[in-house]
Amino acid sequence: MENRIYTVDSYETAEIPDLDSMKKRLESEGLFVQKVSDSIGRGADFSIIGENTLDDLIGFAKKTGASIVMIDAIYLDKESYEIDLEFEEDTSFIQKDVDDFNNTLESMDFTKPYDVFLYLFYEGAPFGIRYHNPELVELASMSARDRIRQFQEEHEDDMRKMIEERQRKIREMEDSLLEQIADVPDFQVCTNQASRVDFLKRFLDRPENREARELLQDGYSFIPASTLKGFGDRAWAIVKARKN
């Protein structure tokens, strides 16, 4: 009997027939059907019998004297594929793609299996047939995290422009803050780095300077000491330049 051999990831997709109907058909041919999970068929090189049909499996069972057919149905968990951007950064430009994708998930039927193996063993090796749910094939090919990366790559130009615009605004805000600090008489007498850092800490602790504090925190819950030192030195450079 002719059989084609494929690895489990390389065979042609075939739509999944009704499982109960297949089970009844196999039992009517005198075969015992055993449901299994995490079976050997999922990871081993799997010999597809004939044209990958139920008739091919039944014929092979009769010719080899097999009496037991294993059936392994794999289901996908919708929540594993839903995209949540809560902990992602710079995602405003892909929000519509994500919303459309998550809405598409709602229309998919996850009560049906994604993958089904029906097989028997002959001389210690698995032979059988395998079906995919064509609706879920593309979905299962990519994790939620990889799909986010895909959306980001598709909007790479938008992302670059957004980052450049954000950096430009940050530079403008920093330049304005440096000028503001350099204008303060108390800062103008801070001739050493330690005194400038001390001034900045007091200055940034004022409620009216909350935006300036958040700018220098740059996403952290605190302002790193190196940032305070560097920013103070830049403001001091402006003070010195004005005197020359």
Protein backbone atom coordinates (compact mmCIF):
# COMPACT_ATOMS: atom_id res chain seq x y z
CA MET A 1 0.00 0.00 0.00
CA GLU A 2 1.31 3.40 -0.98
CA ASN A 3 1.79 5.96 1.75
CA ARG A 4 3.29 9.44 1.70
CA ILE A 5 5.58 10.48 4.54
CA TYR A 6 5.61 14.04 5.83
CA THR A 7 6.77 15.66 9.00
CA VAL A 8 3.84 17.00 11.01
CA ASP A 9 4.52 20.56 9.82
CA SER A 10 4.80 19.92 6.11
CA TYR A 11 1.71 18.09 4.87
CA GLU A 12 -1.08 19.67 2.88
CA THR A 13 -4.00 21.10 4.86
CA ALA A 14 -7.25 19.18 4.84
CA GLU A 15 -10.45 20.41 6.46
CA ILE A 16 -11.55 18.55 9.59
CA PRO A 17 -14.59 16.29 9.12
CA ASP A 18 -17.07 15.85 11.98
CA LEU A 19 -15.31 13.91 14.76
CA ASP A 20 -18.36 11.96 15.92
CA SER A 21 -19.09 10.88 12.35
CA MET A 22 -15.53 9.67 11.88
CA LYS A 23 -15.63 7.78 15.18
CA LYS A 24 -18.88 6.04 14.24
CA ARG A 25 -17.53 5.14 10.82
CA LEU A 26 -14.39 3.60 12.32
CA GLU A 27 -16.40 1.64 14.89
CA SER A 28 -18.73 0.38 12.15
CA GLU A 29 -15.64 -1.10 10.48
CA GLY A 30 -14.83 -3.04 13.64
CA LEU A 31 -12.12 -0.70 14.90
CA PHE A 32 -11.81 0.43 18.51
CA VAL A 33 -11.32 4.20 18.80
CA GLN A 34 -9.25 5.46 21.71
CA LYS A 35 -9.13 9.18 22.49
CA VAL A 36 -5.68 10.34 23.59
CA SER A 37 -3.96 13.65 24.33
CA ASP A 38 -0.36 14.86 23.94
CA SER A 39 0.16 11.82 21.77
CA ILE A 40 3.29 10.65 19.98
CA GLY A 41 1.73 11.66 16.69
CA ARG A 42 2.17 15.36 17.49
CA GLY A 43 5.93 15.32 17.61
CA ALA A 44 7.07 12.35 15.58
CA ASP A 45 7.58 12.01 11.84
CA PHE A 46 4.09 11.00 10.87
CA SER A 47 3.36 8.72 7.92
CA ILE A 48 0.30 10.01 6.08
CA ILE A 49 -1.57 7.11 4.55
CA GLY A 50 -2.55 7.39 0.89
CA GLU A 51 -4.48 10.60 0.20
CA ASN A 52 -5.02 11.43 3.86
CA THR A 53 -8.64 10.21 3.97
CA LEU A 54 -10.62 8.11 6.42
CA ASP A 55 -11.00 5.39 3.78
CA ASP A 56 -7.20 5.23 3.48
CA LEU A 57 -6.90 4.74 7.26
CA ILE A 58 -9.55 2.02 7.35
CA GLY A 59 -8.00 0.19 4.41
CA PHE A 60 -4.54 0.34 5.99
CA ALA A 61 -5.91 -0.97 9.30
CA LYS A 62 -7.53 -3.95 7.59
CA LYS A 63 -4.43 -4.84 5.57
CA THR A 64 -2.12 -4.62 8.60
CA GLY A 65 -4.51 -6.28 11.04
CA ALA A 66 -4.68 -3.27 13.33
CA SER A 67 -7.72 -3.03 15.59
CA ILE A 68 -7.12 0.19 17.58
CA VAL A 69 -7.17 3.72 16.18
CA MET A 70 -6.01 6.64 18.31
CA ILE A 71 -7.66 10.02 17.90
CA ASP A 72 -5.98 13.15 19.24
CA ALA A 73 -7.80 16.46 18.85
CA ILE A 74 -5.98 19.72 19.63
CA TYR A 75 -7.91 22.84 20.60
CA LEU A 76 -6.64 26.41 20.70
CA ASP A 77 -7.15 28.74 23.64
CA LYS A 78 -8.54 32.05 22.37
CA GLU A 79 -7.11 34.00 25.31
CA SER A 80 -3.58 32.90 24.35
CA TYR A 81 -3.91 34.74 21.04
CA GLU A 82 -5.68 37.89 22.22
CA ILE A 83 -3.43 40.93 22.11
CA ASP A 84 -3.13 43.13 25.19
CA LEU A 85 -1.11 46.32 24.74
CA GLU A 86 -1.22 47.35 28.40
CA PHE A 87 2.49 46.75 29.01
CA GLU A 88 3.72 47.68 25.53
CA GLU A 89 5.26 51.00 24.50
CA ASP A 90 4.68 53.12 21.40
CA THR A 91 1.58 51.25 20.30
CA SER A 92 -0.86 54.01 19.37
CA PHE A 93 -0.14 53.51 15.67
CA ILE A 94 -1.08 49.80 15.77
CA GLN A 95 -4.15 50.12 18.01
CA LYS A 96 -6.59 49.80 15.10
CA ASP A 97 -4.81 46.68 13.80
CA VAL A 98 -4.98 45.16 17.27
CA ASP A 99 -8.66 46.02 17.73
CA ASP A 100 -9.50 44.54 14.31
CA PHE A 101 -7.54 41.40 15.09
CA ASN A 102 -9.14 40.88 18.50
CA ASN A 103 -12.57 41.42 16.94
CA THR A 104 -11.75 38.74 14.37
CA LEU A 105 -10.98 36.32 17.20
CA GLU A 106 -14.52 36.82 18.50
CA SER A 107 -15.92 35.50 15.23
CA MET A 108 -13.82 32.32 15.28
CA ASP A 109 -15.19 29.04 16.60
CA PHE A 110 -12.74 27.72 19.21
CA THR A 111 -15.07 24.86 20.17
CA LYS A 112 -13.84 23.06 17.05
CA PRO A 113 -10.39 21.47 17.05
CA TYR A 114 -7.47 23.11 15.32
CA ASP A 115 -5.65 19.87 14.58
CA VAL A 116 -6.73 16.21 14.57
CA PHE A 117 -4.59 13.08 14.36
CA LEU A 118 -6.14 9.69 13.67
CA TYR A 119 -3.51 7.00 13.64
CA LEU A 120 -2.49 3.45 14.43
CA PHE A 121 0.86 1.80 14.95
CA TYR A 122 2.44 -0.51 12.43
CA GLU A 123 5.82 -2.06 13.22
CA GLY A 124 6.26 0.50 16.01
CA ALA A 125 5.71 3.59 13.86
CA PRO A 126 2.63 5.86 13.67
CA PHE A 127 0.63 5.76 10.44
CA GLY A 128 -2.56 7.66 9.92
CA ILE A 129 -4.29 10.78 8.72
CA ARG A 130 -4.21 14.33 9.96
CA TYR A 131 -6.55 17.28 9.52
CA HIS A 132 -6.22 21.02 10.13
CA ASN A 133 -8.97 23.55 10.78
CA PRO A 134 -8.24 26.00 7.90
CA GLU A 135 -9.86 28.88 9.80
CA LEU A 136 -7.26 28.58 12.58
CA VAL A 137 -4.13 27.71 10.59
CA GLU A 138 -2.88 31.30 10.20
CA LEU A 139 -3.83 32.17 13.76
CA ALA A 140 -1.82 29.30 15.22
CA SER A 141 1.25 30.21 13.17
CA MET A 142 2.09 33.22 15.34
CA SER A 143 2.05 34.10 19.04
CA ALA A 144 0.40 37.29 20.30
CA ARG A 145 3.84 38.82 20.95
CA ASP A 146 5.04 38.01 17.43
CA ARG A 147 1.85 39.46 15.98
CA ILE A 148 2.54 42.73 17.79
CA ARG A 149 6.00 42.75 16.18
CA GLN A 150 4.41 42.10 12.80
CA PHE A 151 2.04 45.05 13.19
CA GLN A 152 4.94 47.24 14.31
CA GLU A 153 7.01 46.25 11.28
CA GLU A 154 4.08 47.05 8.99
CA HIS A 155 3.96 50.52 10.55
CA GLU A 156 7.72 51.01 10.78
CA ASP A 157 7.63 54.40 9.03
CA ASP A 158 4.84 55.60 11.32
CA MET A 159 6.79 54.42 14.35
CA ARG A 160 9.99 56.15 13.17
CA LYS A 161 8.16 59.43 12.58
CA MET A 162 6.44 59.21 15.96
CA ILE A 163 9.73 58.56 17.77
CA GLU A 164 11.45 61.40 15.92
CA GLU A 165 8.62 63.78 16.80
CA ARG A 166 8.69 62.72 20.44
CA GLN A 167 12.46 63.19 20.61
CA ARG A 168 12.12 66.65 19.05
CA LYS A 169 9.56 67.67 21.66
CA ILE A 170 11.75 66.32 24.46
CA ARG A 171 14.72 68.33 23.19
CA GLU A 172 12.59 71.48 23.05
CA MET A 173 11.31 70.89 26.59
CA GLU A 174 14.84 70.23 27.88
CA ASP A 175 16.20 73.38 26.19
CA SER A 176 13.40 75.45 27.69
CA LEU A 177 14.00 73.97 31.16
CA LEU A 178 17.75 74.60 30.94
CA GLU A 179 17.12 78.26 30.11
CA GLN A 180 14.61 78.51 32.96
CA ILE A 181 17.07 77.08 35.50
CA ALA A 182 19.92 79.23 34.23
CA ASP A 183 17.73 82.29 34.87
CA VAL A 184 17.36 81.52 38.58
CA PRO A 185 19.76 83.66 40.69
CA ASP A 186 20.15 80.92 43.31
CA PHE A 187 21.41 78.57 40.62
CA GLN A 188 23.82 81.12 39.21
CA VAL A 189 25.89 80.95 42.39
CA CYS A 190 26.19 77.14 42.34
CA THR A 191 29.81 76.99 41.24
CA ASN A 192 30.33 73.27 41.88
CA GLN A 193 28.48 70.17 40.74
CA ALA A 194 27.33 69.12 44.23
CA SER A 195 25.63 72.47 44.86
CA ARG A 196 23.97 72.35 41.44
CA VAL A 197 22.58 68.87 42.12
CA ASP A 198 21.28 70.03 45.50
CA PHE A 199 19.58 73.01 43.85
CA LEU A 200 17.96 70.84 41.19
CA LYS A 201 16.56 68.45 43.80
CA ARG A 202 14.88 71.32 45.65
CA PHE A 203 13.73 72.95 42.42
CA LEU A 204 12.17 69.76 41.02
CA ASP A 205 10.45 68.89 44.32
CA ARG A 206 8.22 71.95 44.01
CA PRO A 207 4.65 71.06 42.96
CA GLU A 208 4.67 73.65 40.17
CA ASN A 209 7.66 71.87 38.59
CA ARG A 210 6.00 68.47 38.30
CA GLU A 211 6.28 68.37 34.48
CA ALA A 212 9.99 69.19 34.67
CA ARG A 213 10.49 66.38 37.20
CA GLU A 214 8.65 63.88 34.98
CA LEU A 215 10.74 64.98 32.00
CA LEU A 216 13.99 64.14 33.80
CA GLN A 217 12.59 60.94 35.29
CA ASP A 218 12.08 59.68 31.70
CA GLY A 219 9.76 56.89 32.77
CA TYR A 220 11.53 56.03 36.01
CA SER A 221 10.05 56.58 39.48
CA PHE A 222 13.09 58.70 40.36
CA ILE A 223 15.68 60.89 38.65
CA PRO A 224 19.03 59.09 38.33
CA ALA A 225 21.96 60.92 39.94
CA SER A 226 23.81 60.94 36.62
CA THR A 227 20.88 62.79 35.03
CA LEU A 228 20.89 65.45 37.75
CA LYS A 229 24.65 65.93 37.43
CA GLY A 230 24.56 66.13 33.65
CA PHE A 231 21.56 68.44 33.52
CA GLY A 232 23.05 70.74 36.13
CA ASP A 233 26.31 70.94 34.19
CA ARG A 234 24.44 71.82 30.99
CA ALA A 235 22.51 74.60 32.75
CA TRP A 236 25.76 75.87 34.28
CA ALA A 237 27.34 75.97 30.80
CA ILE A 238 24.56 78.36 29.75
CA VAL A 239 25.25 80.57 32.78
CA LYS A 240 28.95 80.72 31.91
CA ALA A 241 28.26 81.40 28.23
CA ARG A 242 26.09 84.36 29.13
CA LYS A 243 28.93 85.92 31.14
CA ASN A 244 31.35 85.76 28.21
